Amino acid sequence: MLYPQPMNRLIHELGKLPGVGPKTAQRLAFYILTLSEDEVGKIAEALLDARHKIGFCAVCGHLTEVSPCAVCENQGRERFLLCVVEEPKDVIAMERTRVYKGLYHVLGGALSPLEGIGPEELRIKELLQRISEGGFQEVIIATNPNVEGEATALYLSKLLRPMGIKVTRLARGLPVGGDLEYADEITLGKALEGRTEL
């Protein structure tokens, strides 16, 4: 490119972020150059602070400053329910509903043989250990409704059913406010399968 080397480096580094393509990286780099040195320093400080202070809960795998995390430590949670999710951001999504009051287990991804992610790369061994220690009555598998998430859910259910524990999966179907005519066949089929009595 025709940019000075520091600009090329900034664009290159920003382009490594997920969801940031070359054009977005370039736009962000130009924006950063318009900021004051103090503002850039605050961004850099926030990045380093988060990187140094945030870790993963030794119990559930969620993001935390202290381990165990606030959710695992909260004795008011329903300790007989365990929701298995792929990533820490999924815990945040579940918590935003204000409906689920149980505990979590973060796998750290989903099974994806094409990307070299097998059971050994995920926190499945830790999940089985937690469940074998007892106390859980139900495990809710809340992996994403895509090929990798479905494969992970199927794999986990085969491991968990012999343990004599209730294994459930999040319902799938139509979004609130959606029109039937715009739903794809798979979504509509899942909505029919997961219908409930009124």
N, C-alpha and C. Protein backbone atom coordinates (compact mmCIF):
# COMPACT_ATOMS: atom_id res chain seq x y z
N MET A 1 0.83 -1.19 0.00
CA MET A 1 0.00 0.00 0.00
C MET A 1 0.87 1.25 0.00
N LEU A 2 0.22 2.38 -0.23
CA LEU A 2 0.93 3.65 -0.28
C LEU A 2 0.99 4.34 1.08
N TYR A 3 0.54 3.67 2.12
CA TYR A 3 0.56 4.27 3.45
C TYR A 3 1.94 4.15 4.08
N PRO A 4 2.26 5.04 5.02
CA PRO A 4 3.50 4.88 5.79
C PRO A 4 3.45 3.55 6.57
N GLN A 5 4.60 3.02 6.88
CA GLN A 5 4.69 1.72 7.54
C GLN A 5 3.88 1.63 8.84
N PRO A 6 3.92 2.65 9.74
CA PRO A 6 3.11 2.55 10.96
C PRO A 6 1.61 2.41 10.68
N MET A 7 1.13 3.08 9.62
CA MET A 7 -0.28 2.99 9.24
C MET A 7 -0.58 1.60 8.70
N ASN A 8 0.30 1.07 7.86
CA ASN A 8 0.12 -0.30 7.36
C ASN A 8 0.06 -1.30 8.50
N ARG A 9 0.94 -1.12 9.48
CA ARG A 9 0.96 -2.03 10.63
C ARG A 9 -0.34 -1.93 11.42
N LEU A 10 -0.84 -0.70 11.64
CA LEU A 10 -2.08 -0.52 12.38
C LEU A 10 -3.24 -1.18 11.64
N ILE A 11 -3.33 -0.97 10.35
CA ILE A 11 -4.39 -1.60 9.54
C ILE A 11 -4.28 -3.12 9.61
N HIS A 12 -3.07 -3.62 9.49
CA HIS A 12 -2.85 -5.06 9.55
C HIS A 12 -3.31 -5.64 10.89
N GLU A 13 -2.93 -4.99 11.99
CA GLU A 13 -3.29 -5.49 13.33
C GLU A 13 -4.79 -5.40 13.57
N LEU A 14 -5.42 -4.31 13.15
CA LEU A 14 -6.87 -4.17 13.32
C LEU A 14 -7.61 -5.20 12.47
N GLY A 15 -7.05 -5.54 11.32
CA GLY A 15 -7.66 -6.53 10.44
C GLY A 15 -7.66 -7.94 11.01
N LYS A 16 -6.89 -8.17 12.06
CA LYS A 16 -6.87 -9.49 12.71
C LYS A 16 -8.09 -9.70 13.61
N LEU A 17 -8.79 -8.61 13.94
CA LEU A 17 -9.96 -8.72 14.81
C LEU A 17 -11.09 -9.43 14.08
N PRO A 18 -11.87 -10.27 14.78
CA PRO A 18 -12.97 -10.98 14.12
C PRO A 18 -14.00 -10.00 13.59
N GLY A 19 -14.46 -10.25 12.37
CA GLY A 19 -15.47 -9.42 11.76
C GLY A 19 -14.95 -8.12 11.16
N VAL A 20 -13.64 -7.90 11.24
CA VAL A 20 -13.05 -6.68 10.69
C VAL A 20 -12.29 -7.04 9.41
N GLY A 21 -12.86 -6.59 8.30
CA GLY A 21 -12.21 -6.82 7.01
C GLY A 21 -11.24 -5.69 6.70
N PRO A 22 -10.59 -5.75 5.55
CA PRO A 22 -9.59 -4.73 5.18
C PRO A 22 -10.15 -3.30 5.17
N LYS A 23 -11.36 -3.12 4.63
CA LYS A 23 -11.94 -1.77 4.55
C LYS A 23 -12.26 -1.23 5.95
N THR A 24 -12.83 -2.07 6.80
CA THR A 24 -13.15 -1.64 8.16
C THR A 24 -11.88 -1.35 8.93
N ALA A 25 -10.85 -2.18 8.77
CA ALA A 25 -9.57 -1.94 9.44
C ALA A 25 -8.99 -0.60 9.01
N GLN A 26 -9.09 -0.30 7.73
CA GLN A 26 -8.58 0.96 7.22
C GLN A 26 -9.38 2.13 7.81
N ARG A 27 -10.71 2.00 7.85
CA ARG A 27 -11.56 3.05 8.41
C ARG A 27 -11.25 3.28 9.89
N LEU A 28 -11.07 2.19 10.65
CA LEU A 28 -10.73 2.31 12.07
C LEU A 28 -9.37 2.98 12.26
N ALA A 29 -8.42 2.61 11.43
CA ALA A 29 -7.08 3.20 11.53
C ALA A 29 -7.12 4.71 11.29
N PHE A 30 -7.88 5.12 10.27
CA PHE A 30 -8.00 6.56 10.01
C PHE A 30 -8.69 7.27 11.17
N TYR A 31 -9.69 6.62 11.76
CA TYR A 31 -10.38 7.22 12.91
C TYR A 31 -9.42 7.38 14.08
N ILE A 32 -8.64 6.34 14.35
CA ILE A 32 -7.69 6.39 15.47
C ILE A 32 -6.71 7.54 15.29
N LEU A 33 -6.31 7.80 14.04
CA LEU A 33 -5.37 8.90 13.79
C LEU A 33 -5.98 10.27 14.06
N THR A 34 -7.32 10.36 14.09
CA THR A 34 -7.97 11.64 14.39
C THR A 34 -8.10 11.89 15.89
N LEU A 35 -7.88 10.86 16.69
CA LEU A 35 -8.03 10.99 18.14
C LEU A 35 -6.82 11.69 18.74
N SER A 36 -7.05 12.27 19.91
CA SER A 36 -5.93 12.87 20.63
C SER A 36 -5.06 11.76 21.21
N GLU A 37 -3.84 12.11 21.56
CA GLU A 37 -2.93 11.13 22.14
C GLU A 37 -3.51 10.57 23.44
N ASP A 38 -4.21 11.41 24.19
CA ASP A 38 -4.84 10.98 25.44
C ASP A 38 -5.93 9.93 25.18
N GLU A 39 -6.75 10.16 24.14
CA GLU A 39 -7.81 9.21 23.81
C GLU A 39 -7.24 7.88 23.32
N VAL A 40 -6.21 7.94 22.52
CA VAL A 40 -5.55 6.72 22.05
C VAL A 40 -4.94 5.98 23.24
N GLY A 41 -4.36 6.73 24.16
CA GLY A 41 -3.78 6.13 25.36
C GLY A 41 -4.82 5.41 26.20
N LYS A 42 -6.02 6.00 26.30
CA LYS A 42 -7.11 5.36 27.06
C LYS A 42 -7.54 4.04 26.41
N ILE A 43 -7.59 4.03 25.08
CA ILE A 43 -7.94 2.79 24.38
C ILE A 43 -6.87 1.73 24.62
N ALA A 44 -5.61 2.13 24.47
CA ALA A 44 -4.51 1.18 24.69
C ALA A 44 -4.50 0.68 26.12
N GLU A 45 -4.74 1.56 27.06
CA GLU A 45 -4.77 1.20 28.49
C GLU A 45 -5.92 0.23 28.77
N ALA A 46 -7.09 0.50 28.18
CA ALA A 46 -8.24 -0.39 28.37
C ALA A 46 -7.96 -1.79 27.80
N LEU A 47 -7.31 -1.84 26.65
CA LEU A 47 -6.95 -3.13 26.05
C LEU A 47 -6.00 -3.91 26.95
N LEU A 48 -4.96 -3.25 27.42
CA LEU A 48 -3.98 -3.92 28.28
C LEU A 48 -4.59 -4.31 29.62
N ASP A 49 -5.43 -3.42 30.18
CA ASP A 49 -6.06 -3.69 31.46
C ASP A 49 -6.95 -4.93 31.37
N ALA A 50 -7.77 -4.99 30.31
CA ALA A 50 -8.64 -6.15 30.12
C ALA A 50 -7.82 -7.42 29.93
N ARG A 51 -6.76 -7.32 29.13
CA ARG A 51 -5.92 -8.49 28.86
C ARG A 51 -5.24 -9.02 30.12
N HIS A 52 -4.81 -8.12 31.01
CA HIS A 52 -4.11 -8.53 32.23
C HIS A 52 -5.02 -8.95 33.35
N LYS A 53 -6.22 -8.36 33.44
CA LYS A 53 -7.09 -8.60 34.60
C LYS A 53 -8.19 -9.63 34.38
N ILE A 54 -8.54 -9.88 33.12
CA ILE A 54 -9.64 -10.79 32.85
C ILE A 54 -9.10 -12.18 32.57
N GLY A 55 -9.70 -13.15 33.22
CA GLY A 55 -9.34 -14.55 33.01
C GLY A 55 -10.61 -15.38 32.92
N PHE A 56 -10.46 -16.67 33.07
CA PHE A 56 -11.60 -17.57 32.99
C PHE A 56 -11.83 -18.22 34.35
N CYS A 57 -13.11 -18.35 34.71
CA CYS A 57 -13.49 -18.99 35.96
C CYS A 57 -13.02 -20.45 35.93
N ALA A 58 -12.39 -20.88 37.00
CA ALA A 58 -11.89 -22.26 37.08
C ALA A 58 -13.03 -23.27 37.15
N VAL A 59 -14.21 -22.82 37.55
CA VAL A 59 -15.35 -23.72 37.68
C VAL A 59 -16.14 -23.82 36.38
N CYS A 60 -16.62 -22.66 35.88
CA CYS A 60 -17.52 -22.68 34.73
C CYS A 60 -16.87 -22.27 33.41
N GLY A 61 -15.76 -21.54 33.44
CA GLY A 61 -15.11 -21.11 32.22
C GLY A 61 -15.55 -19.75 31.71
N HIS A 62 -16.38 -19.05 32.49
CA HIS A 62 -16.85 -17.71 32.09
C HIS A 62 -15.76 -16.68 32.38
N LEU A 63 -15.85 -15.52 31.74
CA LEU A 63 -14.89 -14.43 31.99
C LEU A 63 -15.06 -13.88 33.40
N THR A 64 -13.96 -13.58 34.05
CA THR A 64 -14.03 -13.06 35.41
C THR A 64 -12.72 -12.40 35.80
N GLU A 65 -12.80 -11.54 36.81
CA GLU A 65 -11.59 -10.95 37.40
C GLU A 65 -11.10 -11.82 38.54
N VAL A 66 -12.03 -12.52 39.20
CA VAL A 66 -11.69 -13.41 40.32
C VAL A 66 -12.33 -14.77 40.06
N SER A 67 -11.68 -15.81 40.50
CA SER A 67 -12.18 -17.16 40.29
C SER A 67 -12.39 -17.83 41.63
N PRO A 68 -13.56 -18.45 41.86
CA PRO A 68 -14.70 -18.60 40.97
C PRO A 68 -15.41 -17.26 40.71
N CYS A 69 -16.18 -17.24 39.62
CA CYS A 69 -16.86 -16.01 39.19
C CYS A 69 -18.08 -15.73 40.07
N ALA A 70 -18.68 -14.58 39.84
CA ALA A 70 -19.83 -14.15 40.65
C ALA A 70 -21.01 -15.10 40.49
N VAL A 71 -21.23 -15.66 39.31
CA VAL A 71 -22.35 -16.58 39.11
C VAL A 71 -22.12 -17.86 39.90
N CYS A 72 -20.94 -18.43 39.82
CA CYS A 72 -20.64 -19.67 40.55
C CYS A 72 -20.70 -19.47 42.05
N GLU A 73 -20.33 -18.29 42.51
CA GLU A 73 -20.32 -17.98 43.95
C GLU A 73 -21.71 -17.64 44.51
N ASN A 74 -22.64 -17.27 43.63
CA ASN A 74 -23.96 -16.82 44.06
C ASN A 74 -24.79 -18.00 44.56
N GLN A 75 -25.00 -18.06 45.87
CA GLN A 75 -25.76 -19.16 46.47
C GLN A 75 -27.25 -19.07 46.18
N GLY A 76 -27.70 -17.95 45.64
CA GLY A 76 -29.10 -17.78 45.29
C GLY A 76 -29.46 -18.40 43.95
N ARG A 77 -28.48 -18.86 43.21
CA ARG A 77 -28.74 -19.49 41.91
C ARG A 77 -29.32 -20.89 42.11
N GLU A 78 -30.07 -21.37 41.13
CA GLU A 78 -30.63 -22.73 41.17
C GLU A 78 -29.49 -23.69 40.83
N ARG A 79 -28.94 -24.29 41.84
CA ARG A 79 -27.72 -25.07 41.71
C ARG A 79 -27.96 -26.49 41.15
N PHE A 80 -29.20 -26.81 40.85
CA PHE A 80 -29.53 -28.10 40.24
C PHE A 80 -29.63 -28.00 38.73
N LEU A 81 -29.56 -26.77 38.18
CA LEU A 81 -29.64 -26.53 36.74
C LEU A 81 -28.28 -26.13 36.20
N LEU A 82 -27.89 -26.71 35.09
CA LEU A 82 -26.62 -26.37 34.45
C LEU A 82 -26.87 -26.11 32.97
N CYS A 83 -26.54 -24.92 32.52
CA CYS A 83 -26.70 -24.54 31.12
C CYS A 83 -25.33 -24.58 30.44
N VAL A 84 -25.21 -25.38 29.41
CA VAL A 84 -23.94 -25.53 28.68
C VAL A 84 -23.98 -24.64 27.45
N VAL A 85 -23.02 -23.72 27.36
CA VAL A 85 -22.93 -22.80 26.23
C VAL A 85 -21.57 -22.91 25.57
N GLU A 86 -21.45 -22.33 24.39
CA GLU A 86 -20.18 -22.40 23.66
C GLU A 86 -19.16 -21.37 24.16
N GLU A 87 -19.58 -20.13 24.32
CA GLU A 87 -18.65 -19.03 24.61
C GLU A 87 -19.15 -18.17 25.77
N PRO A 88 -18.25 -17.41 26.40
CA PRO A 88 -18.67 -16.50 27.47
C PRO A 88 -19.75 -15.51 27.03
N LYS A 89 -19.72 -15.07 25.78
CA LYS A 89 -20.74 -14.13 25.30
C LYS A 89 -22.13 -14.75 25.35
N ASP A 90 -22.22 -16.08 25.29
CA ASP A 90 -23.50 -16.77 25.38
C ASP A 90 -24.07 -16.69 26.80
N VAL A 91 -23.18 -16.68 27.80
CA VAL A 91 -23.62 -16.50 29.19
C VAL A 91 -24.27 -15.13 29.32
N ILE A 92 -23.64 -14.12 28.76
CA ILE A 92 -24.18 -12.76 28.81
C ILE A 92 -25.56 -12.71 28.15
N ALA A 93 -25.71 -13.36 27.01
CA ALA A 93 -27.00 -13.39 26.31
C ALA A 93 -28.07 -14.05 27.17
N MET A 94 -27.72 -15.15 27.80
CA MET A 94 -28.68 -15.85 28.67
C MET A 94 -29.05 -14.99 29.89
N GLU A 95 -28.07 -14.34 30.46
CA GLU A 95 -28.32 -13.50 31.64
C GLU A 95 -29.21 -12.30 31.30
N ARG A 96 -29.10 -11.78 30.08
CA ARG A 96 -29.93 -10.65 29.67
C ARG A 96 -31.41 -11.00 29.66
N THR A 97 -31.74 -12.29 29.52
CA THR A 97 -33.15 -12.69 29.50
C THR A 97 -33.79 -12.52 30.88
N ARG A 98 -32.98 -12.59 31.92
CA ARG A 98 -33.45 -12.54 33.31
C ARG A 98 -34.43 -13.67 33.62
N VAL A 99 -34.38 -14.73 32.83
CA VAL A 99 -35.26 -15.88 33.03
C VAL A 99 -34.50 -17.03 33.66
N TYR A 100 -33.31 -17.31 33.16
CA TYR A 100 -32.51 -18.44 33.64
C TYR A 100 -31.80 -18.06 34.93
N LYS A 101 -31.93 -18.91 35.95
CA LYS A 101 -31.34 -18.62 37.27
C LYS A 101 -30.39 -19.72 37.74
N GLY A 102 -29.99 -20.61 36.84
CA GLY A 102 -29.11 -21.71 37.22
C GLY A 102 -27.64 -21.35 37.02
N LEU A 103 -26.81 -22.39 36.92
CA LEU A 103 -25.37 -22.24 36.73
C LEU A 103 -25.02 -22.48 35.26
N TYR A 104 -23.78 -22.19 34.91
CA TYR A 104 -23.32 -22.32 33.53
C TYR A 104 -22.08 -23.19 33.43
N HIS A 105 -21.86 -23.67 32.20
CA HIS A 105 -20.60 -24.31 31.85
C HIS A 105 -20.25 -23.87 30.44
N VAL A 106 -19.11 -23.19 30.29
CA VAL A 106 -18.67 -22.69 28.99
C VAL A 106 -17.69 -23.69 28.37
N LEU A 107 -18.04 -24.19 27.19
CA LEU A 107 -17.21 -25.18 26.51
C LEU A 107 -15.94 -24.59 25.90
N GLY A 108 -16.01 -23.34 25.48
CA GLY A 108 -14.87 -22.73 24.81
C GLY A 108 -14.89 -22.96 23.31
N GLY A 109 -16.07 -23.22 22.76
CA GLY A 109 -16.22 -23.44 21.34
C GLY A 109 -17.20 -24.56 21.05
N ALA A 110 -17.17 -25.05 19.83
CA ALA A 110 -18.03 -26.15 19.40
C ALA A 110 -17.20 -27.11 18.57
N LEU A 111 -17.66 -28.34 18.50
CA LEU A 111 -16.95 -29.35 17.70
C LEU A 111 -16.92 -28.92 16.23
N SER A 112 -15.75 -28.96 15.64
CA SER A 112 -15.60 -28.59 14.24
C SER A 112 -14.38 -29.32 13.67
N PRO A 113 -14.58 -30.55 13.21
CA PRO A 113 -13.46 -31.32 12.68
C PRO A 113 -12.69 -30.61 11.57
N LEU A 114 -13.38 -29.84 10.74
CA LEU A 114 -12.71 -29.13 9.65
C LEU A 114 -11.73 -28.09 10.16
N GLU A 115 -12.00 -27.53 11.35
CA GLU A 115 -11.10 -26.55 11.95
C GLU A 115 -10.18 -27.19 12.99
N GLY A 116 -10.22 -28.51 13.09
CA GLY A 116 -9.36 -29.21 14.04
C GLY A 116 -9.81 -29.10 15.48
N ILE A 117 -11.10 -28.84 15.71
CA ILE A 117 -11.62 -28.73 17.07
C ILE A 117 -12.40 -29.99 17.40
N GLY A 118 -11.77 -30.83 18.21
CA GLY A 118 -12.41 -32.05 18.66
C GLY A 118 -12.76 -31.94 20.14
N PRO A 119 -13.27 -33.01 20.74
CA PRO A 119 -13.66 -32.98 22.15
C PRO A 119 -12.51 -32.58 23.09
N GLU A 120 -11.28 -32.90 22.72
CA GLU A 120 -10.13 -32.61 23.58
C GLU A 120 -9.85 -31.10 23.66
N GLU A 121 -10.26 -30.35 22.64
CA GLU A 121 -10.01 -28.91 22.62
C GLU A 121 -11.08 -28.13 23.39
N LEU A 122 -12.16 -28.79 23.76
CA LEU A 122 -13.24 -28.14 24.49
C LEU A 122 -13.22 -28.56 25.96
N ARG A 123 -13.98 -27.88 26.78
CA ARG A 123 -14.03 -28.16 28.23
C ARG A 123 -15.08 -29.24 28.54
N ILE A 124 -15.04 -30.33 27.78
CA ILE A 124 -16.00 -31.42 27.96
C ILE A 124 -15.61 -32.28 29.15
N LYS A 125 -14.32 -32.54 29.31
CA LYS A 125 -13.86 -33.34 30.46
C LYS A 125 -14.26 -32.66 31.77
N GLU A 126 -14.11 -31.34 31.83
CA GLU A 126 -14.49 -30.59 33.03
C GLU A 126 -16.00 -30.64 33.27
N LEU A 127 -16.77 -30.64 32.18
CA LEU A 127 -18.23 -30.75 32.28
C LEU A 127 -18.62 -32.08 32.90
N LEU A 128 -18.05 -33.15 32.38
CA LEU A 128 -18.36 -34.48 32.91
C LEU A 128 -17.96 -34.61 34.37
N GLN A 129 -16.84 -34.01 34.74
CA GLN A 129 -16.38 -34.02 36.14
C GLN A 129 -17.38 -33.30 37.04
N ARG A 130 -17.84 -32.12 36.61
CA ARG A 130 -18.82 -31.35 37.40
C ARG A 130 -20.10 -32.14 37.61
N ILE A 131 -20.57 -32.78 36.55
CA ILE A 131 -21.84 -33.52 36.65
C ILE A 131 -21.66 -34.77 37.51
N SER A 132 -20.52 -35.44 37.41
CA SER A 132 -20.30 -36.65 38.20
C SER A 132 -20.20 -36.36 39.69
N GLU A 133 -19.85 -35.11 40.03
CA GLU A 133 -19.80 -34.73 41.44
C GLU A 133 -21.18 -34.59 42.06
N GLY A 134 -22.22 -34.61 41.21
CA GLY A 134 -23.59 -34.65 41.69
C GLY A 134 -24.21 -33.29 41.92
N GLY A 135 -25.51 -33.33 42.18
CA GLY A 135 -26.24 -32.11 42.49
C GLY A 135 -27.07 -31.56 41.34
N PHE A 136 -26.70 -31.89 40.10
CA PHE A 136 -27.46 -31.37 38.97
C PHE A 136 -28.59 -32.32 38.61
N GLN A 137 -29.78 -31.75 38.39
CA GLN A 137 -30.94 -32.53 37.97
C GLN A 137 -31.18 -32.41 36.47
N GLU A 138 -30.74 -31.29 35.91
CA GLU A 138 -30.97 -31.06 34.48
C GLU A 138 -29.80 -30.31 33.87
N VAL A 139 -29.42 -30.74 32.67
CA VAL A 139 -28.41 -30.04 31.89
C VAL A 139 -29.10 -29.52 30.63
N ILE A 140 -29.05 -28.20 30.44
CA ILE A 140 -29.65 -27.56 29.27
C ILE A 140 -28.52 -27.30 28.27
N ILE A 141 -28.61 -27.90 27.12
CA ILE A 141 -27.59 -27.69 26.09
C ILE A 141 -28.03 -26.49 25.25
N ALA A 142 -27.26 -25.41 25.32
CA ALA A 142 -27.61 -24.16 24.64
C ALA A 142 -26.53 -23.78 23.63
N THR A 143 -26.12 -24.77 22.83
CA THR A 143 -25.16 -24.47 21.77
C THR A 143 -25.90 -23.80 20.61
N ASN A 144 -25.16 -23.17 19.72
CA ASN A 144 -25.77 -22.44 18.61
C ASN A 144 -26.48 -23.39 17.64
N PRO A 145 -27.57 -22.90 17.01
CA PRO A 145 -28.31 -23.76 16.08
C PRO A 145 -27.68 -23.78 14.69
N ASN A 146 -26.41 -24.18 14.62
CA ASN A 146 -25.71 -24.34 13.34
C ASN A 146 -25.12 -25.75 13.31
N VAL A 147 -24.43 -26.09 12.26
CA VAL A 147 -23.92 -27.46 12.10
C VAL A 147 -23.02 -27.84 13.27
N GLU A 148 -22.09 -26.96 13.64
CA GLU A 148 -21.16 -27.26 14.73
C GLU A 148 -21.89 -27.37 16.07
N GLY A 149 -22.82 -26.44 16.32
CA GLY A 149 -23.58 -26.46 17.57
C GLY A 149 -24.43 -27.70 17.70
N GLU A 150 -25.06 -28.11 16.59
CA GLU A 150 -25.89 -29.32 16.60
C GLU A 150 -25.04 -30.56 16.84
N ALA A 151 -23.88 -30.62 16.19
CA ALA A 151 -22.99 -31.77 16.39
C ALA A 151 -22.52 -31.83 17.84
N THR A 152 -22.22 -30.68 18.42
CA THR A 152 -21.78 -30.62 19.82
C THR A 152 -22.90 -31.07 20.75
N ALA A 153 -24.12 -30.59 20.49
CA ALA A 153 -25.27 -30.97 21.32
C ALA A 153 -25.52 -32.47 21.26
N LEU A 154 -25.46 -33.04 20.08
CA LEU A 154 -25.66 -34.48 19.91
C LEU A 154 -24.58 -35.27 20.64
N TYR A 155 -23.34 -34.84 20.50
CA TYR A 155 -22.21 -35.50 21.17
C TYR A 155 -22.39 -35.45 22.69
N LEU A 156 -22.73 -34.27 23.21
CA LEU A 156 -22.91 -34.13 24.66
C LEU A 156 -24.07 -34.96 25.17
N SER A 157 -25.17 -34.98 24.44
CA SER A 157 -26.32 -35.76 24.90
C SER A 157 -25.99 -37.25 24.98
N LYS A 158 -25.18 -37.74 24.04
CA LYS A 158 -24.79 -39.15 24.08
C LYS A 158 -23.89 -39.45 25.29
N LEU A 159 -23.08 -38.45 25.69
CA LEU A 159 -22.23 -38.64 26.86
C LEU A 159 -23.01 -38.52 28.16
N LEU A 160 -24.00 -37.64 28.19
CA LEU A 160 -24.70 -37.33 29.44
C LEU A 160 -25.85 -38.26 29.77
N ARG A 161 -26.55 -38.77 28.78
CA ARG A 161 -27.72 -39.62 29.04
C ARG A 161 -27.39 -40.83 29.92
N PRO A 162 -26.29 -41.54 29.69
CA PRO A 162 -25.98 -42.68 30.55
C PRO A 162 -25.72 -42.29 32.02
N MET A 163 -25.52 -41.00 32.29
CA MET A 163 -25.26 -40.55 33.65
C MET A 163 -26.55 -40.40 34.45
N GLY A 164 -27.68 -40.66 33.80
CA GLY A 164 -28.96 -40.62 34.50
C GLY A 164 -29.45 -39.22 34.81
N ILE A 165 -29.06 -38.27 34.00
CA ILE A 165 -29.44 -36.88 34.23
C ILE A 165 -30.34 -36.42 33.08
N LYS A 166 -31.30 -35.55 33.38
CA LYS A 166 -32.19 -35.01 32.35
C LYS A 166 -31.39 -34.07 31.46
N VAL A 167 -31.44 -34.31 30.16
CA VAL A 167 -30.72 -33.48 29.19
C VAL A 167 -31.75 -32.83 28.28
N THR A 168 -31.73 -31.50 28.22
CA THR A 168 -32.66 -30.77 27.37
C THR A 168 -31.89 -29.87 26.41
N ARG A 169 -32.60 -29.39 25.40
CA ARG A 169 -32.00 -28.51 24.38
C ARG A 169 -32.89 -27.28 24.30
N LEU A 170 -32.31 -26.13 24.09
CA LEU A 170 -33.12 -24.93 23.90
C LEU A 170 -34.07 -25.14 22.73
N ALA A 171 -35.30 -24.61 22.88
CA ALA A 171 -36.27 -24.71 21.79
C ALA A 171 -35.80 -23.86 20.62
N ARG A 172 -36.20 -24.25 19.44
CA ARG A 172 -35.86 -23.50 18.24
C ARG A 172 -37.13 -23.25 17.47
N GLY A 173 -37.14 -22.18 16.72
CA GLY A 173 -38.33 -21.91 15.92
C GLY A 173 -38.42 -20.47 15.51
N LEU A 174 -39.63 -19.98 15.45
CA LEU A 174 -39.90 -18.64 14.94
C LEU A 174 -39.55 -17.56 15.95
N PRO A 175 -38.95 -16.48 15.48
CA PRO A 175 -38.68 -15.37 16.39
C PRO A 175 -39.96 -14.60 16.67
N VAL A 176 -40.04 -13.98 17.83
CA VAL A 176 -41.18 -13.16 18.17
C VAL A 176 -41.25 -12.01 17.18
N GLY A 177 -42.43 -11.78 16.62
CA GLY A 177 -42.59 -10.71 15.65
C GLY A 177 -42.31 -11.13 14.22
N GLY A 178 -41.92 -12.39 14.02
CA GLY A 178 -41.62 -12.87 12.67
C GLY A 178 -42.87 -13.30 11.93
N ASP A 179 -42.84 -13.25 10.63
CA ASP A 179 -43.95 -13.70 9.80
C ASP A 179 -43.63 -15.07 9.23
N LEU A 180 -44.67 -15.94 9.18
CA LEU A 180 -44.49 -17.30 8.67
C LEU A 180 -43.94 -17.31 7.25
N GLU A 181 -44.41 -16.39 6.42
CA GLU A 181 -43.99 -16.41 5.02
C GLU A 181 -42.50 -16.18 4.84
N TYR A 182 -41.85 -15.55 5.83
CA TYR A 182 -40.42 -15.26 5.72
C TYR A 182 -39.53 -16.32 6.40
N ALA A 183 -40.15 -17.27 7.08
CA ALA A 183 -39.38 -18.31 7.77
C ALA A 183 -38.92 -19.36 6.78
N ASP A 184 -37.67 -19.81 6.95
CA ASP A 184 -37.19 -20.89 6.09
C ASP A 184 -37.80 -22.21 6.55
N GLU A 185 -37.67 -23.24 5.72
CA GLU A 185 -38.31 -24.53 5.99
C GLU A 185 -37.80 -25.18 7.27
N ILE A 186 -36.50 -25.08 7.52
CA ILE A 186 -35.92 -25.71 8.71
C ILE A 186 -36.44 -25.04 9.97
N THR A 187 -36.45 -23.71 10.00
CA THR A 187 -36.93 -22.98 11.16
C THR A 187 -38.39 -23.28 11.42
N LEU A 188 -39.19 -23.27 10.37
CA LEU A 188 -40.62 -23.56 10.51
C LEU A 188 -40.84 -25.00 10.97
N GLY A 189 -40.05 -25.92 10.45
CA GLY A 189 -40.14 -27.32 10.88
C GLY A 189 -39.79 -27.49 12.35
N LYS A 190 -38.74 -26.79 12.80
CA LYS A 190 -38.35 -26.86 14.21
C LYS A 190 -39.42 -26.24 15.09
N ALA A 191 -40.07 -25.18 14.62
CA ALA A 191 -41.14 -24.55 15.38
C ALA A 191 -42.32 -25.52 15.54
N LEU A 192 -42.62 -26.28 14.47
CA LEU A 192 -43.69 -27.26 14.57
C LEU A 192 -43.34 -28.38 15.55
N GLU A 193 -42.10 -28.86 15.48
CA GLU A 193 -41.66 -29.94 16.38
C GLU A 193 -41.68 -29.48 17.84
N GLY A 194 -41.35 -28.24 18.09
CA GLY A 194 -41.24 -27.75 19.46
C GLY A 194 -42.50 -27.05 19.96
N ARG A 195 -43.64 -27.29 19.28
CA ARG A 195 -44.86 -26.59 19.67
C ARG A 195 -45.29 -26.99 21.09
N THR A 196 -45.98 -26.07 21.75
CA THR A 196 -46.43 -26.30 23.12
C THR A 196 -47.95 -26.15 23.20
N GLU A 197 -48.54 -26.79 24.17
CA GLU A 197 -49.98 -26.73 24.36
C GLU A 197 -50.39 -25.41 24.98
N LEU A 198 -51.50 -24.84 24.51
CA LEU A 198 -52.01 -23.57 25.06
C LEU A 198 -53.08 -23.84 26.10
